[in-house]
């Protein structure tokens, strides 16, 4: 949606407008987008979700800038047109763009159309088999695609790693911006208060005293989950990191 918004072609009459009128049109477009976010069905009668939408818009825009789809002034460049055309396949449209930029797709074309066709099947034409069918069918009869060319996997892994890096960095910045790191937390069942930061001067032998001396500082992970002895571990899968996130993120 963001790519489509930035890629919308200007009216032919725009070239006859002076800079102030062009700027006014851009401002009007941005105001329309803000109204769309604030009056979205997703946030209908749920005002807290408006902030979620605004932050998601901010993250997505920064991501497109970092990936080279947009210039700093919002001008679409590079493979933006292709990504927009295949927007409904996201994130596979972005992966395809990365394969083009890396030169891998060109090498596959030189190997023959079967290699390219196999790649496109993996990206855009997979249909999940219902679990009931999987259980009733023998393994040798389950349909499957041939293995991809070995040059593809490193590119996809690099894309996933970079996307995860962008996402976690943004979550960390968001947590700092919202200032949700409360110095005092409470256990889920007993509601016993305990600190989320280490207190080296704590000498109490009680449970709370031990927690004070062994508190694990964290930004994303909830203080309760950090009681296991581990703080933020960004090497874990995204799903696991976010399943233990602190309240407010």
C-alpha atoms as a PDB file:
ATOM      1  CA  UNK A   1       0.000   0.000   0.000  1.00  0.00           C
ATOM      2  CA  UNK A   2       2.832   2.375   0.856  1.00  0.00           C
ATOM      3  CA  UNK A   3       4.631   1.634  -2.388  1.00  0.00           C
ATOM      4  CA  UNK A   4       1.443   2.172  -4.355  1.00  0.00           C
ATOM      5  CA  UNK A   5       0.863   5.495  -2.582  1.00  0.00           C
ATOM      6  CA  UNK A   6       4.349   6.779  -3.368  1.00  0.00           C
ATOM      7  CA  UNK A   7       4.316   5.344  -6.898  1.00  0.00           C
ATOM      8  CA  UNK A   8       1.066   7.037  -7.955  1.00  0.00           C
ATOM      9  CA  UNK A   9       1.820   8.935 -11.138  1.00  0.00           C
ATOM     10  CA  UNK A  10       1.301  12.718 -11.017  1.00  0.00           C
ATOM     11  CA  UNK A  11      -1.218  14.336 -13.299  1.00  0.00           C
ATOM     12  CA  UNK A  12       0.197  15.647 -16.589  1.00  0.00           C
ATOM     13  CA  UNK A  13      -0.974  19.109 -15.585  1.00  0.00           C
ATOM     14  CA  UNK A  14       1.380  19.019 -12.580  1.00  0.00           C
ATOM     15  CA  UNK A  15       4.339  20.053 -14.721  1.00  0.00           C
ATOM     16  CA  UNK A  16       2.657  23.421 -15.283  1.00  0.00           C
ATOM     17  CA  UNK A  17       2.182  24.029 -11.557  1.00  0.00           C
ATOM     18  CA  UNK A  18       4.640  26.071  -9.555  1.00  0.00           C
ATOM     19  CA  UNK A  19       6.527  24.522  -6.658  1.00  0.00           C
ATOM     20  CA  UNK A  20       4.202  25.911  -3.987  1.00  0.00           C
ATOM     21  CA  UNK A  21       1.119  24.323  -5.584  1.00  0.00           C
ATOM     22  CA  UNK A  22       2.935  21.012  -6.005  1.00  0.00           C
ATOM     23  CA  UNK A  23       3.906  21.146  -2.334  1.00  0.00           C
ATOM     24  CA  UNK A  24       0.284  21.880  -1.445  1.00  0.00           C
ATOM     25  CA  UNK A  25      -0.854  18.803  -3.369  1.00  0.00           C
ATOM     26  CA  UNK A  26       1.669  16.633  -1.558  1.00  0.00           C
ATOM     27  CA  UNK A  27       0.539  18.050   1.787  1.00  0.00           C
ATOM     28  CA  UNK A  28      -3.098  17.330   0.906  1.00  0.00           C
ATOM     29  CA  UNK A  29      -2.189  13.738   0.009  1.00  0.00           C
ATOM     30  CA  UNK A  30      -0.380  13.236   3.301  1.00  0.00           C
ATOM     31  CA  UNK A  31      -3.312  14.698   5.230  1.00  0.00           C
ATOM     32  CA  UNK A  32      -5.616  12.245   3.426  1.00  0.00           C
ATOM     33  CA  UNK A  33      -3.379   9.368   4.494  1.00  0.00           C
ATOM     34  CA  UNK A  34      -3.404  10.561   8.117  1.00  0.00           C
ATOM     35  CA  UNK A  35      -7.220  10.713   8.024  1.00  0.00           C
ATOM     36  CA  UNK A  36      -7.257   7.194   6.582  1.00  0.00           C
ATOM     37  CA  UNK A  37      -5.123   5.948   9.489  1.00  0.00           C
ATOM     38  CA  UNK A  38      -7.137   7.745  12.150  1.00  0.00           C
ATOM     39  CA  UNK A  39     -10.472   6.583  10.728  1.00  0.00           C
ATOM     40  CA  UNK A  40      -9.423   3.082   9.774  1.00  0.00           C
ATOM     41  CA  UNK A  41     -11.784   0.159  10.343  1.00  0.00           C
ATOM     42  CA  UNK A  42      -8.920  -1.488  12.237  1.00  0.00           C
ATOM     43  CA  UNK A  43      -9.001   1.292  14.844  1.00  0.00           C
ATOM     44  CA  UNK A  44     -12.768   1.840  14.879  1.00  0.00           C
ATOM     45  CA  UNK A  45     -13.792   2.503  18.519  1.00  0.00           C
ATOM     46  CA  UNK A  46     -10.278   1.409  19.532  1.00  0.00           C
ATOM     47  CA  UNK A  47      -8.254   4.632  19.819  1.00  0.00           C
ATOM     48  CA  UNK A  48      -5.118   2.836  21.051  1.00  0.00           C
ATOM     49  CA  UNK A  49      -4.809   1.174  17.674  1.00  0.00           C
ATOM     50  CA  UNK A  50      -4.345   4.551  15.974  1.00  0.00           C
ATOM     51  CA  UNK A  51      -0.851   4.744  17.487  1.00  0.00           C
ATOM     52  CA  UNK A  52      -0.177   1.191  16.278  1.00  0.00           C
ATOM     53  CA  UNK A  53      -1.123   2.138  12.719  1.00  0.00           C
ATOM     54  CA  UNK A  54       0.989   5.304  12.796  1.00  0.00           C
ATOM     55  CA  UNK A  55       4.013   3.402  14.092  1.00  0.00           C
ATOM     56  CA  UNK A  56       3.523   0.664  11.517  1.00  0.00           C
ATOM     57  CA  UNK A  57       3.357   3.292   8.761  1.00  0.00           C
ATOM     58  CA  UNK A  58       6.547   4.869  10.097  1.00  0.00           C
ATOM     59  CA  UNK A  59       8.354   1.508  10.238  1.00  0.00           C
ATOM     60  CA  UNK A  60       7.222   0.504   6.728  1.00  0.00           C
ATOM     61  CA  UNK A  61       8.331   3.840   5.261  1.00  0.00           C
ATOM     62  CA  UNK A  62      11.772   3.595   6.877  1.00  0.00           C
ATOM     63  CA  UNK A  63      12.076   0.022   5.664  1.00  0.00           C
ATOM     64  CA  UNK A  64      11.349   1.032   2.054  1.00  0.00           C
ATOM     65  CA  UNK A  65      13.882   3.864   2.335  1.00  0.00           C
ATOM     66  CA  UNK A  66      16.567   1.545   3.682  1.00  0.00           C
ATOM     67  CA  UNK A  67      15.874  -1.044   0.984  1.00  0.00           C
ATOM     68  CA  UNK A  68      16.249   1.531  -1.780  1.00  0.00           C
ATOM     69  CA  UNK A  69      12.643   1.608  -2.995  1.00  0.00           C
ATOM     70  CA  UNK A  70      12.192   5.272  -2.057  1.00  0.00           C
ATOM     71  CA  UNK A  71      14.345   8.386  -1.998  1.00  0.00           C
ATOM     72  CA  UNK A  72      14.310  10.664   1.031  1.00  0.00           C
ATOM     73  CA  UNK A  73      11.668  12.870  -0.618  1.00  0.00           C
ATOM     74  CA  UNK A  74       9.380   9.887  -1.270  1.00  0.00           C
ATOM     75  CA  UNK A  75      10.254   9.471  -4.954  1.00  0.00           C
ATOM     76  CA  UNK A  76       9.973   5.785  -6.008  1.00  0.00           C
ATOM     77  CA  UNK A  77      13.108   4.369  -7.630  1.00  0.00           C
ATOM     78  CA  UNK A  78      14.598   1.101  -8.800  1.00  0.00           C
ATOM     79  CA  UNK A  79      12.296  -1.903  -8.770  1.00  0.00           C
ATOM     80  CA  UNK A  80       9.430  -0.147  -7.009  1.00  0.00           C
ATOM     81  CA  UNK A  81       7.130  -0.636  -9.989  1.00  0.00           C
ATOM     82  CA  UNK A  82       7.593  -4.399  -9.945  1.00  0.00           C
ATOM     83  CA  UNK A  83       7.129  -4.566  -6.180  1.00  0.00           C
ATOM     84  CA  UNK A  84       3.881  -2.573  -6.458  1.00  0.00           C
ATOM     85  CA  UNK A  85       2.582  -4.751  -9.292  1.00  0.00           C
ATOM     86  CA  UNK A  86       3.079  -7.847  -7.092  1.00  0.00           C
ATOM     87  CA  UNK A  87       2.005  -6.201  -3.811  1.00  0.00           C
ATOM     88  CA  UNK A  88      -0.496  -8.972  -3.051  1.00  0.00           C
ATOM     89  CA  UNK A  89       2.355 -11.521  -2.786  1.00  0.00           C
ATOM     90  CA  UNK A  90       4.277  -9.633  -0.080  1.00  0.00           C
ATOM     91  CA  UNK A  91       6.932 -10.388   1.129  1.00  0.00           C
ATOM     92  CA  UNK A  92       7.761 -12.564  -1.900  1.00  0.00           C
ATOM     93  CA  UNK A  93       7.663  -9.521  -4.199  1.00  0.00           C
ATOM     94  CA  UNK A  94      10.428  -7.936  -2.095  1.00  0.00           C
ATOM     95  CA  UNK A  95      12.446 -11.168  -2.150  1.00  0.00           C
ATOM     96  CA  UNK A  96      12.130 -11.306  -5.946  1.00  0.00           C
ATOM     97  CA  UNK A  97      13.455  -7.741  -6.117  1.00  0.00           C
ATOM     98  CA  UNK A  98      16.422  -8.769  -3.976  1.00  0.00           C
ATOM     99  CA  UNK A  99      17.115 -11.731  -6.308  1.00  0.00           C
ATOM    100  CA  UNK A 100      17.092  -9.354  -9.290  1.00  0.00           C
ATOM    101  CA  UNK A 101      19.402  -6.866  -7.556  1.00  0.00           C
ATOM    102  CA  UNK A 102      21.855  -9.607  -6.540  1.00  0.00           C
ATOM    103  CA  UNK A 103      22.135 -10.920 -10.108  1.00  0.00           C
ATOM    104  CA  UNK A 104      20.909 -14.394  -9.150  1.00  0.00           C
ATOM    105  CA  UNK A 105      17.806 -14.162 -11.348  1.00  0.00           C
ATOM    106  CA  UNK A 106      19.931 -13.278 -14.364  1.00  0.00           C
ATOM    107  CA  UNK A 107      22.110 -16.345 -13.765  1.00  0.00           C
ATOM    108  CA  UNK A 108      19.014 -18.536 -13.506  1.00  0.00           C
ATOM    109  CA  UNK A 109      17.728 -17.184 -16.832  1.00  0.00           C
ATOM    110  CA  UNK A 110      20.992 -18.244 -18.468  1.00  0.00           C
ATOM    111  CA  UNK A 111      20.582 -21.771 -17.058  1.00  0.00           C
ATOM    112  CA  UNK A 112      17.202 -22.181 -18.725  1.00  0.00           C
ATOM    113  CA  UNK A 113      13.542 -21.420 -18.240  1.00  0.00           C
ATOM    114  CA  UNK A 114      12.977 -24.428 -15.946  1.00  0.00           C
ATOM    115  CA  UNK A 115      15.167 -22.872 -13.225  1.00  0.00           C
ATOM    116  CA  UNK A 116      13.226 -19.595 -13.362  1.00  0.00           C
ATOM    117  CA  UNK A 117       9.883 -21.403 -13.486  1.00  0.00           C
ATOM    118  CA  UNK A 118      10.812 -23.443 -10.397  1.00  0.00           C
ATOM    119  CA  UNK A 119      11.770 -20.277  -8.489  1.00  0.00           C
ATOM    120  CA  UNK A 120       8.481 -18.568  -9.399  1.00  0.00           C
ATOM    121  CA  UNK A 121       6.561 -21.654  -8.247  1.00  0.00           C
ATOM    122  CA  UNK A 122       8.304 -21.490  -4.879  1.00  0.00           C
ATOM    123  CA  UNK A 123       7.572 -17.786  -4.489  1.00  0.00           C
ATOM    124  CA  UNK A 124       4.089 -17.372  -5.929  1.00  0.00           C
ATOM    125  CA  UNK A 125       2.403 -20.686  -6.635  1.00  0.00           C
ATOM    126  CA  UNK A 126       2.576 -22.810  -3.488  1.00  0.00           C
ATOM    127  CA  UNK A 127      -0.635 -24.199  -2.055  1.00  0.00           C
ATOM    128  CA  UNK A 128      -0.579 -25.608   1.496  1.00  0.00           C
ATOM    129  CA  UNK A 129      -1.875 -29.171   1.779  1.00  0.00           C
ATOM    130  CA  UNK A 130      -4.485 -29.614   4.560  1.00  0.00           C
ATOM    131  CA  UNK A 131      -3.213 -31.558   7.546  1.00  0.00           C
ATOM    132  CA  UNK A 132      -5.977 -34.161   7.118  1.00  0.00           C
ATOM    133  CA  UNK A 133      -4.685 -34.967   3.632  1.00  0.00           C
ATOM    134  CA  UNK A 134      -1.108 -35.138   4.861  1.00  0.00           C
ATOM    135  CA  UNK A 135      -2.030 -37.714   7.491  1.00  0.00           C
ATOM    136  CA  UNK A 136      -3.996 -39.884   5.067  1.00  0.00           C
ATOM    137  CA  UNK A 137      -1.490 -39.794   2.191  1.00  0.00           C
ATOM    138  CA  UNK A 138       1.752 -41.722   2.107  1.00  0.00           C
ATOM    139  CA  UNK A 139       4.897 -39.615   2.103  1.00  0.00           C
ATOM    140  CA  UNK A 140       6.002 -40.756  -1.350  1.00  0.00           C
ATOM    141  CA  UNK A 141       2.703 -39.568  -2.845  1.00  0.00           C
ATOM    142  CA  UNK A 142       2.809 -36.065  -1.369  1.00  0.00           C
ATOM    143  CA  UNK A 143       3.463 -33.498  -4.118  1.00  0.00           C
ATOM    144  CA  UNK A 144       6.633 -31.485  -3.713  1.00  0.00           C
ATOM    145  CA  UNK A 145       8.836 -29.142  -5.727  1.00  0.00           C
ATOM    146  CA  UNK A 146      12.383 -29.864  -6.775  1.00  0.00           C
ATOM    147  CA  UNK A 147      15.183 -28.255  -4.797  1.00  0.00           C
ATOM    148  CA  UNK A 148      16.054 -24.672  -5.642  1.00  0.00           C
ATOM    149  CA  UNK A 149      19.359 -23.634  -7.135  1.00  0.00           C
ATOM    150  CA  UNK A 150      21.935 -23.371  -4.284  1.00  0.00           C
ATOM    151  CA  UNK A 151      22.671 -19.729  -5.197  1.00  0.00           C
ATOM    152  CA  UNK A 152      19.174 -18.665  -4.091  1.00  0.00           C
ATOM    153  CA  UNK A 153      19.227 -19.670  -0.426  1.00  0.00           C
ATOM    154  CA  UNK A 154      22.053 -17.287   0.680  1.00  0.00           C
ATOM    155  CA  UNK A 155      20.190 -14.333  -0.873  1.00  0.00           C
ATOM    156  CA  UNK A 156      16.934 -15.196   0.913  1.00  0.00           C
ATOM    157  CA  UNK A 157      18.766 -15.748   4.213  1.00  0.00           C
ATOM    158  CA  UNK A 158      20.448 -12.360   3.809  1.00  0.00           C
ATOM    159  CA  UNK A 159      17.067 -10.733   3.123  1.00  0.00           C
ATOM    160  CA  UNK A 160      15.486 -12.357   6.203  1.00  0.00           C
ATOM    161  CA  UNK A 161      18.412 -11.387   8.407  1.00  0.00           C
ATOM    162  CA  UNK A 162      18.291  -7.762   7.243  1.00  0.00           C
ATOM    163  CA  UNK A 163      14.508  -7.555   7.653  1.00  0.00           C
ATOM    164  CA  UNK A 164      14.804  -8.946  11.195  1.00  0.00           C
ATOM    165  CA  UNK A 165      17.544  -6.416  11.964  1.00  0.00           C
ATOM    166  CA  UNK A 166      15.346  -3.512  10.803  1.00  0.00           C
ATOM    167  CA  UNK A 167      12.374  -4.830  12.770  1.00  0.00           C
ATOM    168  CA  UNK A 168      14.169  -5.387  16.078  1.00  0.00           C
ATOM    169  CA  UNK A 169      15.980  -2.054  15.892  1.00  0.00           C
ATOM    170  CA  UNK A 170      12.665  -0.329  15.368  1.00  0.00           C
ATOM    171  CA  UNK A 171      11.059  -2.203  18.285  1.00  0.00           C
ATOM    172  CA  UNK A 172      13.954  -1.194  20.555  1.00  0.00           C
ATOM    173  CA  UNK A 173      13.625   2.458  19.494  1.00  0.00           C
ATOM    174  CA  UNK A 174       9.856   2.255  19.987  1.00  0.00           C
ATOM    175  CA  UNK A 175      10.236   0.850  23.513  1.00  0.00           C
ATOM    176  CA  UNK A 176      12.619   3.684  24.405  1.00  0.00           C
ATOM    177  CA  UNK A 177      10.326   6.273  22.836  1.00  0.00           C
ATOM    178  CA  UNK A 178       7.260   5.029  24.714  1.00  0.00           C
ATOM    179  CA  UNK A 179       9.321   4.858  27.925  1.00  0.00           C
ATOM    180  CA  UNK A 180       7.582   1.692  29.103  1.00  0.00           C
ATOM    181  CA  UNK A 181      10.508   0.319  31.091  1.00  0.00           C
ATOM    182  CA  UNK A 182       9.058   0.491  34.563  1.00  0.00           C
ATOM    183  CA  UNK A 183      11.714   0.172  37.308  1.00  0.00           C
ATOM    184  CA  UNK A 184       9.299  -1.907  39.421  1.00  0.00           C
ATOM    185  CA  UNK A 185       7.299  -4.916  38.191  1.00  0.00           C
ATOM    186  CA  UNK A 186       5.181  -7.598  39.816  1.00  0.00           C
ATOM    187  CA  UNK A 187       4.916 -11.364  39.589  1.00  0.00           C
ATOM    188  CA  UNK A 188       1.950 -12.663  37.604  1.00  0.00           C
ATOM    189  CA  UNK A 189       0.087 -14.574  40.342  1.00  0.00           C
ATOM    190  CA  UNK A 190       1.271 -13.263  43.719  1.00  0.00           C
ATOM    191  CA  UNK A 191       1.648  -9.620  42.579  1.00  0.00           C
ATOM    192  CA  UNK A 192       4.887  -9.483  44.580  1.00  0.00           C
ATOM    193  CA  UNK A 193       6.810  -6.423  43.419  1.00  0.00           C
ATOM    194  CA  UNK A 194      10.358  -6.802  42.193  1.00  0.00           C
ATOM    195  CA  UNK A 195      12.813  -4.508  40.382  1.00  0.00           C
ATOM    196  CA  UNK A 196      13.597  -4.872  36.685  1.00  0.00           C
ATOM    197  CA  UNK A 197      17.073  -3.415  37.175  1.00  0.00           C
ATOM    198  CA  UNK A 198      19.981  -4.800  39.190  1.00  0.00           C
ATOM    199  CA  UNK A 199      20.485  -3.342  42.647  1.00  0.00           C
ATOM    200  CA  UNK A 200      24.111  -4.216  43.657  1.00  0.00           C
ATOM    201  CA  UNK A 201      23.522  -2.945  47.190  1.00  0.00           C
ATOM    202  CA  UNK A 202      20.670  -5.367  47.881  1.00  0.00           C
ATOM    203  CA  UNK A 203      21.534  -7.600  50.862  1.00  0.00           C
ATOM    204  CA  UNK A 204      18.090  -8.966  51.736  1.00  0.00           C
ATOM    205  CA  UNK A 205      18.020 -12.791  51.793  1.00  0.00           C
ATOM    206  CA  UNK A 206      14.320 -12.916  50.903  1.00  0.00           C
ATOM    207  CA  UNK A 207      12.973 -13.718  47.437  1.00  0.00           C
ATOM    208  CA  UNK A 208      12.603 -10.027  46.621  1.00  0.00           C
ATOM    209  CA  UNK A 209      16.149  -9.376  47.818  1.00  0.00           C
ATOM    210  CA  UNK A 210      17.497 -12.129  45.583  1.00  0.00           C
ATOM    211  CA  UNK A 211      15.561 -10.729  42.630  1.00  0.00           C
ATOM    212  CA  UNK A 212      17.029  -7.291  43.321  1.00  0.00           C
ATOM    213  CA  UNK A 213      20.576  -8.651  43.173  1.00  0.00           C
ATOM    214  CA  UNK A 214      19.979 -10.831  40.099  1.00  0.00           C
ATOM    215  CA  UNK A 215      17.565  -8.754  37.990  1.00  0.00           C
ATOM    216  CA  UNK A 216      18.243  -9.055  34.265  1.00  0.00           C
ATOM    217  CA  UNK A 217      17.910  -5.729  32.420  1.00  0.00           C
ATOM    218  CA  UNK A 218      15.950  -5.922  29.166  1.00  0.00           C
ATOM    219  CA  UNK A 219      14.316  -3.587  26.665  1.00  0.00           C
ATOM    220  CA  UNK A 220      11.935  -5.815  24.709  1.00  0.00           C
ATOM    221  CA  UNK A 221      11.601  -8.869  26.927  1.00  0.00           C
ATOM    222  CA  UNK A 222       9.189  -8.629  29.834  1.00  0.00           C
ATOM    223  CA  UNK A 223      10.867  -8.500  33.269  1.00  0.00           C
ATOM    224  CA  UNK A 224       8.894 -11.594  34.326  1.00  0.00           C
ATOM    225  CA  UNK A 225      10.215 -13.607  31.357  1.00  0.00           C
ATOM    226  CA  UNK A 226      13.705 -12.280  32.143  1.00  0.00           C
ATOM    227  CA  UNK A 227      13.520 -14.028  35.540  1.00  0.00           C
ATOM    228  CA  UNK A 228      14.631 -17.175  33.672  1.00  0.00           C
ATOM    229  CA  UNK A 229      18.096 -15.615  33.676  1.00  0.00           C
ATOM    230  CA  UNK A 230      18.149 -14.305  30.116  1.00  0.00           C
ATOM    231  CA  UNK A 231      17.651 -10.777  28.847  1.00  0.00           C
ATOM    232  CA  UNK A 232      17.028  -9.709  25.265  1.00  0.00           C
ATOM    233  CA  UNK A 233      18.295 -12.435  22.940  1.00  0.00           C
ATOM    234  CA  UNK A 234      17.996 -11.126  19.398  1.00  0.00           C
ATOM    235  CA  UNK A 235      19.347 -14.369  17.908  1.00  0.00           C
ATOM    236  CA  UNK A 236      16.017 -16.103  18.609  1.00  0.00           C
ATOM    237  CA  UNK A 237      13.221 -16.289  16.012  1.00  0.00           C
ATOM    238  CA  UNK A 238      10.990 -13.196  15.823  1.00  0.00           C
ATOM    239  CA  UNK A 239       7.947 -15.174  16.996  1.00  0.00           C
ATOM    240  CA  UNK A 240       9.696 -16.259  20.202  1.00  0.00           C
ATOM    241  CA  UNK A 241      11.073 -12.786  20.912  1.00  0.00           C
ATOM    242  CA  UNK A 242       7.673 -11.144  20.539  1.00  0.00           C
ATOM    243  CA  UNK A 243       5.845 -13.853  22.523  1.00  0.00           C
ATOM    244  CA  UNK A 244       7.837 -12.743  25.589  1.00  0.00           C
ATOM    245  CA  UNK A 245       7.693  -8.992  24.947  1.00  0.00           C
ATOM    246  CA  UNK A 246       6.962  -6.562  27.757  1.00  0.00           C
ATOM    247  CA  UNK A 247       3.546  -4.998  28.147  1.00  0.00           C
ATOM    248  CA  UNK A 248       3.010  -1.948  25.979  1.00  0.00           C
ATOM    249  CA  UNK A 249       4.925  -3.117  22.893  1.00  0.00           C
END
